Amino acid sequence: MYYLPKATSSERNLKIQLEYDGTGFCGWQTQVNANKPSVQEVLEKVLSRILQERIKIIGSGRTDAGVHALAQVANFKTKSNISLNKLLNGLNSLLPD
């Protein structure tokens, strides 16, 4: 079973909705020894870069290798007070097409 730490009063719990072409990914979940990156892995790296803190993202479900998504929902906690517009622009500029 997986438990998330409780958010502190200085953290925000943000929900995002994603659309992606899964062709270049090993699926949603980070996997050891995978020959392609996972969607989760790429998102965590980009979010961590933008927010300047380690981010752990939790998906509402998983996809297999090569599977696409139109409305994948995920959430993560952050101490950053970055505006949602800046976060969205940063994600769209740093994530692969």
Protein backbone atom coordinates (compact mmCIF):
# COMPACT_ATOMS: atom_id res chain seq x y z
CA MET A 1 0.00 0.00 0.00
CA TYR A 2 1.24 3.52 -0.79
CA TYR A 3 0.81 6.41 1.64
CA LEU A 4 1.40 10.06 0.90
CA PRO A 5 2.72 12.42 3.54
CA LYS A 6 0.14 14.92 4.75
CA ALA A 7 0.41 18.37 3.23
CA THR A 8 1.65 21.03 5.59
CA SER A 9 0.02 24.43 5.78
CA SER A 10 2.81 25.79 3.57
CA GLU A 11 2.18 23.23 0.80
CA ARG A 12 -0.29 23.26 -2.05
CA ASN A 13 -1.77 20.08 -3.48
CA LEU A 14 -2.15 20.66 -7.23
CA LYS A 15 -4.15 18.60 -9.68
CA ILE A 16 -3.16 18.50 -13.33
CA GLN A 17 -4.81 16.97 -16.36
CA LEU A 18 -2.49 15.62 -19.06
CA GLU A 19 -2.72 14.70 -22.69
CA TYR A 20 0.15 12.75 -24.24
CA ASP A 21 1.25 10.47 -27.05
CA GLY A 22 2.69 7.45 -25.27
CA THR A 23 4.72 6.15 -28.21
CA GLY A 24 8.07 7.18 -26.74
CA PHE A 25 7.31 6.12 -23.16
CA CYS A 26 7.45 2.85 -21.21
CA GLY A 27 4.07 3.74 -19.69
CA TRP A 28 2.95 6.01 -16.88
CA GLN A 29 4.85 4.60 -13.91
CA THR A 30 8.59 4.96 -13.35
CA GLN A 31 10.27 1.60 -13.93
CA VAL A 32 13.71 0.30 -13.05
CA ASN A 33 15.77 -0.75 -16.10
CA ALA A 34 13.18 0.46 -18.63
CA ASN A 35 14.52 1.16 -22.11
CA LYS A 36 12.35 4.30 -22.42
CA PRO A 37 11.43 6.99 -19.89
CA SER A 38 8.05 6.93 -18.17
CA VAL A 39 5.55 9.78 -18.27
CA GLN A 40 5.83 10.06 -14.47
CA GLU A 41 9.63 10.27 -14.63
CA VAL A 42 9.62 13.03 -17.25
CA LEU A 43 6.95 15.04 -15.42
CA GLU A 44 8.75 14.79 -12.08
CA LYS A 45 12.02 15.99 -13.61
CA VAL A 46 10.39 18.96 -15.34
CA LEU A 47 8.25 19.91 -12.34
CA SER A 48 11.28 19.64 -10.03
CA ARG A 49 13.23 21.91 -12.37
CA ILE A 50 10.47 24.53 -12.53
CA LEU A 51 9.60 24.45 -8.82
CA GLN A 52 13.19 24.04 -7.54
CA GLU A 53 12.22 21.18 -5.22
CA ARG A 54 11.88 17.41 -5.46
CA ILE A 55 8.42 16.57 -6.79
CA LYS A 56 6.64 13.22 -6.50
CA ILE A 57 3.63 13.04 -8.82
CA ILE A 58 0.80 10.58 -8.29
CA GLY A 59 -1.28 9.47 -11.26
CA SER A 60 -4.93 8.50 -11.02
CA GLY A 61 -4.16 5.42 -13.09
CA ARG A 62 -1.44 3.84 -15.16
CA THR A 63 -0.90 3.26 -18.84
CA ASP A 64 1.17 0.57 -20.54
CA ALA A 65 4.03 1.23 -22.93
CA GLY A 66 2.96 3.09 -26.04
CA VAL A 67 -0.52 3.95 -24.73
CA HIS A 68 -1.81 7.50 -25.25
CA ALA A 69 -3.89 9.61 -22.86
CA LEU A 70 -6.39 12.38 -23.47
CA ALA A 71 -7.29 13.30 -19.88
CA GLN A 72 -4.90 11.60 -17.43
CA VAL A 73 -5.29 13.15 -13.98
CA ALA A 74 -2.45 13.43 -11.48
CA ASN A 75 -1.55 15.45 -8.41
CA PHE A 76 1.54 16.63 -6.58
CA LYS A 77 2.42 18.74 -3.57
CA THR A 78 4.63 21.80 -3.70
CA LYS A 79 5.86 24.51 -1.37
CA SER A 80 6.22 26.89 -4.32
CA ASN A 81 3.79 29.77 -4.74
CA ILE A 82 4.35 29.96 -8.51
CA SER A 83 1.21 31.08 -10.34
CA LEU A 84 -0.72 28.38 -12.14
CA ASN A 85 -0.27 30.21 -15.46
CA LYS A 86 3.52 30.29 -15.04
CA LEU A 87 3.53 26.61 -14.08
CA LEU A 88 1.44 25.70 -17.13
CA ASN A 89 3.64 27.76 -19.46
CA GLY A 90 6.78 26.21 -17.96
CA LEU A 91 5.44 22.69 -18.35
CA ASN A 92 4.35 23.24 -21.93
CA SER A 93 7.70 24.76 -22.87
CA LEU A 94 9.88 22.07 -21.24
CA LEU A 95 7.91 18.87 -21.85
CA PRO A 96 8.38 16.93 -25.09
CA ASP A 97 5.80 17.50 -27.83
